[in-house]
PDB file of N, CA and C in Angstrom:
ATOM      1  N   UNK A   1     266.897 -84.716 238.268  1.00  0.00           N
ATOM      2  CA  UNK A   1     265.511 -84.430 238.336  1.00  0.00           C
ATOM      3  C   UNK A   1     265.143 -83.077 237.723  1.00  0.00           C
ATOM      4  N   UNK A   2     265.972 -82.091 238.019  1.00  0.00           N
ATOM      5  CA  UNK A   2     265.711 -80.785 237.460  1.00  0.00           C
ATOM      6  C   UNK A   2     265.755 -80.838 235.935  1.00  0.00           C
ATOM      7  N   UNK A   3     266.648 -81.601 235.399  1.00  0.00           N
ATOM      8  CA  UNK A   3     266.778 -81.736 233.942  1.00  0.00           C
ATOM      9  C   UNK A   3     265.544 -82.409 233.368  1.00  0.00           C
ATOM     10  N   UNK A   4     265.011 -83.384 234.094  1.00  0.00           N
ATOM     11  CA  UNK A   4     263.771 -84.044 233.640  1.00  0.00           C
ATOM     12  C   UNK A   4     262.610 -83.057 233.635  1.00  0.00           C
ATOM     13  N   UNK A   5     262.536 -82.267 234.682  1.00  0.00           N
ATOM     14  CA  UNK A   5     261.457 -81.287 234.769  1.00  0.00           C
ATOM     15  C   UNK A   5     261.601 -80.236 233.659  1.00  0.00           C
ATOM     16  N   UNK A   6     262.821 -79.808 233.416  1.00  0.00           N
ATOM     17  CA  UNK A   6     263.078 -78.821 232.372  1.00  0.00           C
ATOM     18  C   UNK A   6     262.723 -79.399 231.005  1.00  0.00           C
ATOM     19  N   UNK A   7     263.051 -80.648 230.778  1.00  0.00           N
ATOM     20  CA  UNK A   7     262.727 -81.318 229.509  1.00  0.00           C
ATOM     21  C   UNK A   7     261.219 -81.422 229.340  1.00  0.00           C
ATOM     22  N   UNK A   8     260.526 -81.736 230.421  1.00  0.00           N
ATOM     23  CA  UNK A   8     259.066 -81.822 230.366  1.00  0.00           C
ATOM     24  C   UNK A   8     258.458 -80.446 230.052  1.00  0.00           C
ATOM     25  N   UNK A   9     259.034 -79.411 230.665  1.00  0.00           N
ATOM     26  CA  UNK A   9     258.531 -78.054 230.407  1.00  0.00           C
ATOM     27  C   UNK A   9     258.753 -77.695 228.943  1.00  0.00           C
ATOM     28  N   UNK A  10     259.954 -77.959 228.425  1.00  0.00           N
ATOM     29  CA  UNK A  10     260.235 -77.665 227.018  1.00  0.00           C
ATOM     30  C   UNK A  10     259.337 -78.483 226.093  1.00  0.00           C
ATOM     31  N   UNK A  11     259.154 -79.731 226.457  1.00  0.00           N
ATOM     32  CA  UNK A  11     258.271 -80.591 225.659  1.00  0.00           C
ATOM     33  C   UNK A  11     256.835 -80.063 225.695  1.00  0.00           C
ATOM     34  N   UNK A  12     256.397 -79.611 226.857  1.00  0.00           N
ATOM     35  CA  UNK A  12     255.048 -79.045 226.984  1.00  0.00           C
ATOM     36  C   UNK A  12     254.936 -77.754 226.182  1.00  0.00           C
ATOM     37  N   UNK A  13     255.974 -76.917 226.205  1.00  0.00           N
ATOM     38  CA  UNK A  13     255.962 -75.688 225.428  1.00  0.00           C
ATOM     39  C   UNK A  13     255.904 -75.995 223.930  1.00  0.00           C
ATOM     40  N   UNK A  14     256.681 -76.960 223.499  1.00  0.00           N
ATOM     41  CA  UNK A  14     256.687 -77.354 222.088  1.00  0.00           C
ATOM     42  C   UNK A  14     255.326 -77.902 221.698  1.00  0.00           C
ATOM     43  N   UNK A  15     254.780 -78.717 222.580  1.00  0.00           N
ATOM     44  CA  UNK A  15     253.453 -79.277 222.319  1.00  0.00           C
ATOM     45  C   UNK A  15     252.393 -78.166 222.273  1.00  0.00           C
ATOM     46  N   UNK A  16     252.507 -77.194 223.185  1.00  0.00           N
ATOM     47  CA  UNK A  16     251.571 -76.071 223.204  1.00  0.00           C
ATOM     48  C   UNK A  16     251.696 -75.250 221.927  1.00  0.00           C
ATOM     49  N   UNK A  17     252.923 -75.010 221.477  1.00  0.00           N
ATOM     50  CA  UNK A  17     253.129 -74.273 220.222  1.00  0.00           C
ATOM     51  C   UNK A  17     252.527 -75.032 219.040  1.00  0.00           C
ATOM     52  N   UNK A  18     252.704 -76.336 219.047  1.00  0.00           N
ATOM     53  CA  UNK A  18     252.144 -77.172 217.967  1.00  0.00           C
ATOM     54  C   UNK A  18     250.619 -77.133 218.001  1.00  0.00           C
ATOM     55  N   UNK A  19     250.047 -77.201 219.194  1.00  0.00           N
ATOM     56  CA  UNK A  19     248.590 -77.125 219.346  1.00  0.00           C
ATOM     57  C   UNK A  19     248.090 -75.771 218.867  1.00  0.00           C
ATOM     58  N   UNK A  20     248.800 -74.699 219.241  1.00  0.00           N
ATOM     59  CA  UNK A  20     248.426 -73.350 218.822  1.00  0.00           C
ATOM     60  C   UNK A  20     248.528 -73.213 217.302  1.00  0.00           C
ATOM     61  N   UNK A  21     249.602 -73.739 216.734  1.00  0.00           N
ATOM     62  CA  UNK A  21     249.794 -73.693 215.281  1.00  0.00           C
ATOM     63  C   UNK A  21     248.671 -74.445 214.585  1.00  0.00           C
ATOM     64  N   UNK A  22     248.339 -75.628 215.065  1.00  0.00           N
ATOM     65  CA  UNK A  22     247.246 -76.420 214.471  1.00  0.00           C
ATOM     66  C   UNK A  22     245.895 -75.727 214.630  1.00  0.00           C
ATOM     67  N   UNK A  23     245.695 -75.102 215.790  1.00  0.00           N
ATOM     68  CA  UNK A  23     244.434 -74.388 216.026  1.00  0.00           C
ATOM     69  C   UNK A  23     244.293 -73.227 215.046  1.00  0.00           C
ATOM     70  N   UNK A  24     245.397 -72.484 214.791  1.00  0.00           N
ATOM     71  CA  UNK A  24     245.367 -71.383 213.836  1.00  0.00           C
ATOM     72  C   UNK A  24     245.070 -71.902 212.430  1.00  0.00           C
ATOM     73  N   UNK A  25     245.700 -73.016 212.049  1.00  0.00           N
ATOM     74  CA  UNK A  25     245.448 -73.605 210.736  1.00  0.00           C
ATOM     75  C   UNK A  25     243.995 -74.054 210.605  1.00  0.00           C
ATOM     76  N   UNK A  26     243.492 -74.693 211.654  1.00  0.00           N
ATOM     77  CA  UNK A  26     242.101 -75.141 211.636  1.00  0.00           C
ATOM     78  C   UNK A  26     241.143 -73.943 211.591  1.00  0.00           C
ATOM     79  N   UNK A  27     241.480 -72.887 212.297  1.00  0.00           N
ATOM     80  CA  UNK A  27     240.636 -71.687 212.291  1.00  0.00           C
ATOM     81  C   UNK A  27     240.625 -71.060 210.896  1.00  0.00           C
ATOM     82  N   UNK A  28     241.794 -70.975 210.261  1.00  0.00           N
ATOM     83  CA  UNK A  28     241.849 -70.433 208.898  1.00  0.00           C
ATOM     84  C   UNK A  28     241.024 -71.284 207.938  1.00  0.00           C
ATOM     85  N   UNK A  29     241.176 -72.614 208.098  1.00  0.00           N
ATOM     86  CA  UNK A  29     240.422 -73.508 207.213  1.00  0.00           C
ATOM     87  C   UNK A  29     238.918 -73.389 207.468  1.00  0.00           C
ATOM     88  N   UNK A  30     238.535 -73.292 208.736  1.00  0.00           N
ATOM     89  CA  UNK A  30     237.113 -73.136 209.069  1.00  0.00           C
ATOM     90  C   UNK A  30     236.578 -71.820 208.507  1.00  0.00           C
ATOM     91  N   UNK A  31     237.380 -70.766 208.591  1.00  0.00           N
ATOM     92  CA  UNK A  31     236.973 -69.475 208.036  1.00  0.00           C
ATOM     93  C   UNK A  31     236.827 -69.555 206.518  1.00  0.00           C
ATOM     94  N   UNK A  32     237.785 -70.190 205.860  1.00  0.00           N
ATOM     95  CA  UNK A  32     237.705 -70.347 204.401  1.00  0.00           C
ATOM     96  C   UNK A  32     236.489 -71.183 204.017  1.00  0.00           C
ATOM     97  N   UNK A  33     236.246 -72.262 204.755  1.00  0.00           N
ATOM     98  CA  UNK A  33     235.077 -73.099 204.484  1.00  0.00           C
ATOM     99  C   UNK A  33     233.780 -72.315 204.702  1.00  0.00           C
ATOM    100  N   UNK A  34     233.741 -71.509 205.760  1.00  0.00           N
ATOM    101  CA  UNK A  34     232.548 -70.707 206.044  1.00  0.00           C
ATOM    102  C   UNK A  34     232.308 -69.678 204.952  1.00  0.00           C
ATOM    103  N   UNK A  35     233.382 -69.053 204.494  1.00  0.00           N
ATOM    104  CA  UNK A  35     233.239 -68.069 203.417  1.00  0.00           C
ATOM    105  C   UNK A  35     232.753 -68.738 202.139  1.00  0.00           C
ATOM    106  N   UNK A  36     233.286 -69.906 201.840  1.00  0.00           N
ATOM    107  CA  UNK A  36     232.858 -70.632 200.642  1.00  0.00           C
ATOM    108  C   UNK A  36     231.380 -71.019 200.759  1.00  0.00           C
ATOM    109  N   UNK A  37     230.983 -71.481 201.939  1.00  0.00           N
ATOM    110  CA  UNK A  37     229.582 -71.858 202.162  1.00  0.00           C
ATOM    111  C   UNK A  37     228.678 -70.627 202.062  1.00  0.00           C
ATOM    112  N   UNK A  38     229.137 -69.503 202.617  1.00  0.00           N
ATOM    113  CA  UNK A  38     228.352 -68.265 202.538  1.00  0.00           C
ATOM    114  C   UNK A  38     228.195 -67.826 201.085  1.00  0.00           C
ATOM    115  N   UNK A  39     229.273 -67.908 200.311  1.00  0.00           N
ATOM    116  CA  UNK A  39     229.196 -67.537 198.891  1.00  0.00           C
ATOM    117  C   UNK A  39     228.230 -68.459 198.153  1.00  0.00           C
ATOM    118  N   UNK A  40     228.279 -69.733 198.492  1.00  0.00           N
ATOM    119  CA  UNK A  40     227.364 -70.694 197.868  1.00  0.00           C
ATOM    120  C   UNK A  40     225.907 -70.358 198.231  1.00  0.00           C
ATOM    121  N   UNK A  41     225.663 -70.048 199.491  1.00  0.00           N
ATOM    122  CA  UNK A  41     224.312 -69.694 199.929  1.00  0.00           C
ATOM    123  C   UNK A  41     223.827 -68.419 199.249  1.00  0.00           C
ATOM    124  N   UNK A  42     224.725 -67.453 199.078  1.00  0.00           N
ATOM    125  CA  UNK A  42     224.355 -66.206 198.395  1.00  0.00           C
ATOM    126  C   UNK A  42     223.976 -66.505 196.946  1.00  0.00           C
ATOM    127  N   UNK A  43     224.755 -67.323 196.275  1.00  0.00           N
ATOM    128  CA  UNK A  43     224.454 -67.674 194.880  1.00  0.00           C
ATOM    129  C   UNK A  43     223.125 -68.427 194.776  1.00  0.00           C
ATOM    130  N   UNK A  44     222.887 -69.339 195.716  1.00  0.00           N
ATOM    131  CA  UNK A  44     221.616 -70.065 195.720  1.00  0.00           C
ATOM    132  C   UNK A  44     220.445 -69.104 195.957  1.00  0.00           C
ATOM    133  N   UNK A  45     220.635 -68.159 196.874  1.00  0.00           N
ATOM    134  CA  UNK A  45     219.582 -67.179 197.151  1.00  0.00           C
ATOM    135  C   UNK A  45     219.326 -66.303 195.928  1.00  0.00           C
ATOM    136  N   UNK A  46     220.394 -65.911 195.248  1.00  0.00           N
ATOM    137  CA  UNK A  46     220.233 -65.119 194.025  1.00  0.00           C
ATOM    138  C   UNK A  46     219.477 -65.917 192.975  1.00  0.00           C
ATOM    139  N   UNK A  47     219.813 -67.188 192.830  1.00  0.00           N
ATOM    140  CA  UNK A  47     219.139 -68.030 191.838  1.00  0.00           C
ATOM    141  C   UNK A  47     217.662 -68.195 192.182  1.00  0.00           C
ATOM    142  N   UNK A  48     217.365 -68.424 193.462  1.00  0.00           N
ATOM    143  CA  UNK A  48     215.967 -68.548 193.876  1.00  0.00           C
ATOM    144  C   UNK A  48     215.223 -67.233 193.680  1.00  0.00           C
ATOM    145  N   UNK A  49     215.893 -66.127 193.986  1.00  0.00           N
ATOM    146  CA  UNK A  49     215.285 -64.818 193.780  1.00  0.00           C
ATOM    147  C   UNK A  49     214.987 -64.567 192.312  1.00  0.00           C
ATOM    148  N   UNK A  50     215.912 -64.957 191.441  1.00  0.00           N
ATOM    149  CA  UNK A  50     215.696 -64.785 190.003  1.00  0.00           C
ATOM    150  C   UNK A  50     214.551 -65.671 189.526  1.00  0.00           C
ATOM    151  N   UNK A  51     214.489 -66.881 190.042  1.00  0.00           N
ATOM    152  CA  UNK A  51     213.381 -67.777 189.681  1.00  0.00           C
ATOM    153  C   UNK A  51     212.044 -67.167 190.100  1.00  0.00           C
ATOM    154  N   UNK A  52     211.990 -66.661 191.321  1.00  0.00           N
ATOM    155  CA  UNK A  52     210.748 -66.043 191.815  1.00  0.00           C
ATOM    156  C   UNK A  52     210.405 -64.816 190.975  1.00  0.00           C
ATOM    157  N   UNK A  53     211.406 -63.998 190.678  1.00  0.00           N
ATOM    158  CA  UNK A  53     211.188 -62.812 189.846  1.00  0.00           C
ATOM    159  C   UNK A  53     210.645 -63.206 188.476  1.00  0.00           C
ATOM    160  N   UNK A  54     211.287 -64.191 187.863  1.00  0.00           N
ATOM    161  CA  UNK A  54     210.838 -64.640 186.537  1.00  0.00           C
ATOM    162  C   UNK A  54     209.420 -65.196 186.585  1.00  0.00           C
ATOM    163  N   UNK A  55     209.108 -65.944 187.646  1.00  0.00           N
ATOM    164  CA  UNK A  55     207.765 -66.514 187.777  1.00  0.00           C
ATOM    165  C   UNK A  55     206.726 -65.410 187.951  1.00  0.00           C
ATOM    166  N   UNK A  56     207.023 -64.424 188.811  1.00  0.00           N
ATOM    167  CA  UNK A  56     206.088 -63.304 189.007  1.00  0.00           C
ATOM    168  C   UNK A  56     205.960 -62.477 187.735  1.00  0.00           C
ATOM    169  N   UNK A  57     207.064 -62.291 187.037  1.00  0.00           N
ATOM    170  CA  UNK A  57     207.029 -61.527 185.794  1.00  0.00           C
ATOM    171  C   UNK A  57     206.171 -62.251 184.756  1.00  0.00           C
ATOM    172  N   UNK A  58     206.340 -63.559 184.630  1.00  0.00           N
ATOM    173  CA  UNK A  58     205.539 -64.335 183.680  1.00  0.00           C
ATOM    174  C   UNK A  58     204.061 -64.294 184.069  1.00  0.00           C
ATOM    175  N   UNK A  59     203.791 -64.413 185.356  1.00  0.00           N
ATOM    176  CA  UNK A  59     202.405 -64.359 185.829  1.00  0.00           C
ATOM    177  C   UNK A  59     201.799 -62.981 185.540  1.00  0.00           C
ATOM    178  N   UNK A  60     202.577 -61.943 185.794  1.00  0.00           N
ATOM    179  CA  UNK A  60     202.112 -60.585 185.516  1.00  0.00           C
ATOM    180  C   UNK A  60     201.878 -60.361 184.026  1.00  0.00           C
ATOM    181  N   UNK A  61     202.782 -60.881 183.215  1.00  0.00           N
ATOM    182  CA  UNK A  61     202.630 -60.736 181.766  1.00  0.00           C
ATOM    183  C   UNK A  61     201.381 -61.475 181.284  1.00  0.00           C
ATOM    184  N   UNK A  62     201.149 -62.666 181.811  1.00  0.00           N
ATOM    185  CA  UNK A  62     199.959 -63.428 181.429  1.00  0.00           C
ATOM    186  C   UNK A  62     198.688 -62.687 181.837  1.00  0.00           C
ATOM    187  N   UNK A  63     198.685 -62.131 183.041  1.00  0.00           N
ATOM    188  CA  UNK A  63     197.516 -61.377 183.505  1.00  0.00           C
ATOM    189  C   UNK A  63     197.323 -60.122 182.656  1.00  0.00           C
ATOM    190  N   UNK A  64     198.409 -59.465 182.340  1.00  0.00           N
ATOM    191  CA  UNK A  64     198.338 -58.269 181.495  1.00  0.00           C
ATOM    192  C   UNK A  64     197.784 -58.623 180.115  1.00  0.00           C
ATOM    193  N   UNK A  65     198.271 -59.716 179.544  1.00  0.00           N
ATOM    194  CA  UNK A  65     197.768 -60.160 178.232  1.00  0.00           C
ATOM    195  C   UNK A  65     196.278 -60.478 178.306  1.00  0.00           C
ATOM    196  N   UNK A  66     195.866 -61.151 179.382  1.00  0.00           N
ATOM    197  CA  UNK A  66     194.460 -61.502 179.542  1.00  0.00           C
ATOM    198  C   UNK A  66     193.596 -60.239 179.627  1.00  0.00           C
ATOM    199  N   UNK A  67     194.030 -59.282 180.430  1.00  0.00           N
ATOM    200  CA  UNK A  67     193.274 -58.041 180.570  1.00  0.00           C
ATOM    201  C   UNK A  67     193.259 -57.251 179.259  1.00  0.00           C
ATOM    202  N   UNK A  68     194.374 -57.237 178.560  1.00  0.00           N
ATOM    203  CA  UNK A  68     194.444 -56.538 177.273  1.00  0.00           C
ATOM    204  C   UNK A  68     193.488 -57.171 176.264  1.00  0.00           C
ATOM    205  N   UNK A  69     193.511 -58.499 176.197  1.00  0.00           N
ATOM    206  CA  UNK A  69     192.604 -59.201 175.273  1.00  0.00           C
ATOM    207  C   UNK A  69     191.143 -58.941 175.629  1.00  0.00           C
ATOM    208  N   UNK A  70     190.824 -58.936 176.920  1.00  0.00           N
ATOM    209  CA  UNK A  70     189.452 -58.658 177.357  1.00  0.00           C
ATOM    210  C   UNK A  70     189.055 -57.220 176.999  1.00  0.00           C
ATOM    211  N   UNK A  71     189.979 -56.277 177.186  1.00  0.00           N
ATOM    212  CA  UNK A  71     189.710 -54.885 176.832  1.00  0.00           C
ATOM    213  C   UNK A  71     189.484 -54.744 175.330  1.00  0.00           C
ATOM    214  N   UNK A  72     190.327 -55.413 174.537  1.00  0.00           N
ATOM    215  CA  UNK A  72     190.149 -55.359 173.084  1.00  0.00           C
ATOM    216  C   UNK A  72     188.808 -55.943 172.666  1.00  0.00           C
ATOM    217  N   UNK A  73     188.437 -57.065 173.252  1.00  0.00           N
ATOM    218  CA  UNK A  73     187.155 -57.687 172.915  1.00  0.00           C
ATOM    219  C   UNK A  73     186.000 -56.754 173.281  1.00  0.00           C
ATOM    220  N   UNK A  74     186.080 -56.130 174.448  1.00  0.00           N
ATOM    221  CA  UNK A  74     185.024 -55.211 174.869  1.00  0.00           C
ATOM    222  C   UNK A  74     184.970 -53.995 173.934  1.00  0.00           C
ATOM    223  N   UNK A  75     186.124 -53.482 173.570  1.00  0.00           N
ATOM    224  CA  UNK A  75     186.183 -52.331 172.673  1.00  0.00           C
ATOM    225  C   UNK A  75     185.626 -52.684 171.298  1.00  0.00           C
ATOM    226  N   UNK A  76     185.971 -53.845 170.789  1.00  0.00           N
ATOM    227  CA  UNK A  76     185.416 -54.286 169.501  1.00  0.00           C
ATOM    228  C   UNK A  76     183.898 -54.392 169.569  1.00  0.00           C
ATOM    229  N   UNK A  77     183.410 -54.938 170.677  1.00  0.00           N
ATOM    230  CA  UNK A  77     181.965 -55.081 170.847  1.00  0.00           C
ATOM    231  C   UNK A  77     181.298 -53.707 170.903  1.00  0.00           C
ATOM    232  N   UNK A  78     181.904 -52.776 171.609  1.00  0.00           N
ATOM    233  CA  UNK A  78     181.363 -51.420 171.670  1.00  0.00           C
ATOM    234  C   UNK A  78     181.366 -50.762 170.287  1.00  0.00           C
ATOM    235  N   UNK A  79     182.441 -50.947 169.553  1.00  0.00           N
ATOM    236  CA  UNK A  79     182.520 -50.392 168.189  1.00  0.00           C
ATOM    237  C   UNK A  79     181.446 -51.018 167.293  1.00  0.00           C
ATOM    238  N   UNK A  80     181.282 -52.317 167.424  1.00  0.00           N
ATOM    239  CA  UNK A  80     180.267 -53.022 166.635  1.00  0.00           C
ATOM    240  C   UNK A  80     178.870 -52.486 166.976  1.00  0.00           C
ATOM    241  N   UNK A  81     178.601 -52.244 168.251  1.00  0.00           N
ATOM    242  CA  UNK A  81     177.298 -51.728 168.678  1.00  0.00           C
ATOM    243  C   UNK A  81     177.073 -50.319 168.124  1.00  0.00           C
ATOM    244  N   UNK A  82     178.108 -49.495 168.139  1.00  0.00           N
ATOM    245  CA  UNK A  82     177.988 -48.143 167.599  1.00  0.00           C
ATOM    246  C   UNK A  82     177.740 -48.201 166.093  1.00  0.00           C
ATOM    247  N   UNK A  83     178.463 -49.066 165.409  1.00  0.00           N
ATOM    248  CA  UNK A  83     178.277 -49.213 163.960  1.00  0.00           C
ATOM    249  C   UNK A  83     176.864 -49.720 163.641  1.00  0.00           C
ATOM    250  N   UNK A  84     176.383 -50.689 164.409  1.00  0.00           N
ATOM    251  CA  UNK A  84     175.027 -51.208 164.184  1.00  0.00           C
ATOM    252  C   UNK A  84     173.984 -50.111 164.402  1.00  0.00           C
ATOM    253  N   UNK A  85     174.176 -49.319 165.454  1.00  0.00           N
ATOM    254  CA  UNK A  85     173.239 -48.225 165.725  1.00  0.00           C
ATOM    255  C   UNK A  85     173.281 -47.197 164.592  1.00  0.00           C
ATOM    256  N   UNK A  86     174.483 -46.913 164.087  1.00  0.00           N
ATOM    257  CA  UNK A  86     174.616 -45.960 162.982  1.00  0.00           C
ATOM    258  C   UNK A  86     173.967 -46.505 161.715  1.00  0.00           C
ATOM    259  N   UNK A  87     174.140 -47.801 161.456  1.00  0.00           N
ATOM    260  CA  UNK A  87     173.529 -48.399 160.258  1.00  0.00           C
ATOM    261  C   UNK A  87     172.005 -48.365 160.334  1.00  0.00           C
ATOM    262  N   UNK A  88     171.463 -48.546 161.537  1.00  0.00           N
ATOM    263  CA  UNK A  88     170.013 -48.508 161.702  1.00  0.00           C
ATOM    264  C   UNK A  88     169.468 -47.111 161.407  1.00  0.00           C
ATOM    265  N   UNK A  89     170.250 -46.087 161.681  1.00  0.00           N
ATOM    266  CA  UNK A  89     169.810 -44.713 161.469  1.00  0.00           C
ATOM    267  C   UNK A  89     170.285 -44.153 160.125  1.00  0.00           C
ATOM    268  N   UNK A  90     170.971 -44.980 159.344  1.00  0.00           N
ATOM    269  CA  UNK A  90     171.542 -44.523 158.087  1.00  0.00           C
ATOM    270  C   UNK A  90     170.464 -44.015 157.126  1.00  0.00           C
ATOM    271  N   UNK A  91     169.414 -44.783 156.953  1.00  0.00           N
ATOM    272  CA  UNK A  91     168.358 -44.379 156.021  1.00  0.00           C
ATOM    273  C   UNK A  91     167.717 -43.062 156.445  1.00  0.00           C
ATOM    274  N   UNK A  92     167.471 -42.904 157.730  1.00  0.00           N
ATOM    275  CA  UNK A  92     166.882 -41.666 158.230  1.00  0.00           C
ATOM    276  C   UNK A  92     167.847 -40.498 157.975  1.00  0.00           C
ATOM    277  N   UNK A  93     169.132 -40.718 158.229  1.00  0.00           N
ATOM    278  CA  UNK A  93     170.123 -39.662 158.020  1.00  0.00           C
ATOM    279  C   UNK A  93     170.225 -39.291 156.549  1.00  0.00           C
ATOM    280  N   UNK A  94     170.204 -40.291 155.659  1.00  0.00           N
ATOM    281  CA  UNK A  94     170.276 -40.024 154.213  1.00  0.00           C
ATOM    282  C   UNK A  94     169.062 -39.218 153.773  1.00  0.00           C
ATOM    283  N   UNK A  95     167.908 -39.608 154.230  1.00  0.00           N
ATOM    284  CA  UNK A  95     166.689 -38.877 153.876  1.00  0.00           C
ATOM    285  C   UNK A  95     166.757 -37.446 154.374  1.00  0.00           C
ATOM    286  N   UNK A  96     167.208 -37.266 155.596  1.00  0.00           N
ATOM    287  CA  UNK A  96     167.294 -35.932 156.173  1.00  0.00           C
ATOM    288  C   UNK A  96     168.261 -35.062 155.364  1.00  0.00           C
ATOM    289  N   UNK A  97     169.422 -35.617 155.041  1.00  0.00           N
ATOM    290  CA  UNK A  97     170.422 -34.863 154.274  1.00  0.00           C
ATOM    291  C   UNK A  97     169.892 -34.538 152.871  1.00  0.00           C
ATOM    292  N   UNK A  98     169.305 -35.525 152.244  1.00  0.00           N
ATOM    293  CA  UNK A  98     168.761 -35.305 150.903  1.00  0.00           C
ATOM    294  C   UNK A  98     167.688 -34.228 150.937  1.00  0.00           C
ATOM    295  N   UNK A  99     166.850 -34.277 151.941  1.00  0.00           N
ATOM    296  CA  UNK A  99     165.784 -33.280 152.069  1.00  0.00           C
ATOM    297  C   UNK A  99     166.368 -31.892 152.252  1.00  0.00           C
ATOM    298  N   UNK A 100     167.420 -31.782 153.048  1.00  0.00           N
ATOM    299  CA  UNK A 100     168.036 -30.491 153.278  1.00  0.00           C
ATOM    300  C   UNK A 100     168.678 -29.953 151.996  1.00  0.00           C
ATOM    301  N   UNK A 101     169.322 -30.886 151.242  1.00  0.00           N
ATOM    302  CA  UNK A 101     169.975 -30.469 149.990  1.00  0.00           C
ATOM    303  C   UNK A 101     168.932 -30.057 148.955  1.00  0.00           C
ATOM    304  N   UNK A 102     167.937 -30.926 148.788  1.00  0.00           N
ATOM    305  CA  UNK A 102     166.884 -30.625 147.809  1.00  0.00           C
ATOM    306  C   UNK A 102     166.126 -29.383 148.226  1.00  0.00           C
ATOM    307  N   UNK A 103     165.808 -29.286 149.496  1.00  0.00           N
ATOM    308  CA  UNK A 103     165.073 -28.125 150.006  1.00  0.00           C
ATOM    309  C   UNK A 103     165.891 -26.856 149.833  1.00  0.00           C
ATOM    310  N   UNK A 104     167.164 -26.906 150.037  1.00  0.00           N
ATOM    311  CA  UNK A 104     168.002 -25.730 149.889  1.00  0.00           C
ATOM    312  C   UNK A 104     168.115 -25.311 148.426  1.00  0.00           C
ATOM    313  N   UNK A 105     168.161 -26.282 147.514  1.00  0.00           N
ATOM    314  CA  UNK A 105     168.303 -25.929 146.113  1.00  0.00           C
ATOM    315  C   UNK A 105     166.973 -25.427 145.537  1.00  0.00           C
ATOM    316  N   UNK A 106     165.851 -25.845 146.065  1.00  0.00           N
ATOM    317  CA  UNK A 106     164.547 -25.407 145.593  1.00  0.00           C
ATOM    318  C   UNK A 106     164.270 -23.995 146.077  1.00  0.00           C
ATOM    319  N   UNK A 107     164.713 -23.688 147.274  1.00  0.00           N
ATOM    320  CA  UNK A 107     164.462 -22.383 147.867  1.00  0.00           C
ATOM    321  C   UNK A 107     165.270 -21.274 147.196  1.00  0.00           C
ATOM    322  N   UNK A 108     166.191 -21.543 146.412  1.00  0.00           N
ATOM    323  CA  UNK A 108     167.036 -20.523 145.807  1.00  0.00           C
ATOM    324  C   UNK A 108     166.404 -19.882 144.660  1.00  0.00           C
TER     325      UNK A 108
END
């Protein structure tokens, strides 16, 4: 009987060692799987972040282009208005200058 009990104890110890060994292997595998999944999630997050960055950058560039074009159009219109005003006063300015030149040469 004692030999049977001793055999059962040894068998239980061997079984416990095997269970412990398997648990360690499973833990290592679970850790490796978790690390791989974490790396995958990080890469996916980076890709999504880059997509969002690119989308915001494109949106910002489009808005910047729109504002630049509007500013250019407004500036052209202002320049055109100044030129039109100058052309309207051109004859008066020419007469004034001519009068000053002629008047200055006559007075000498």
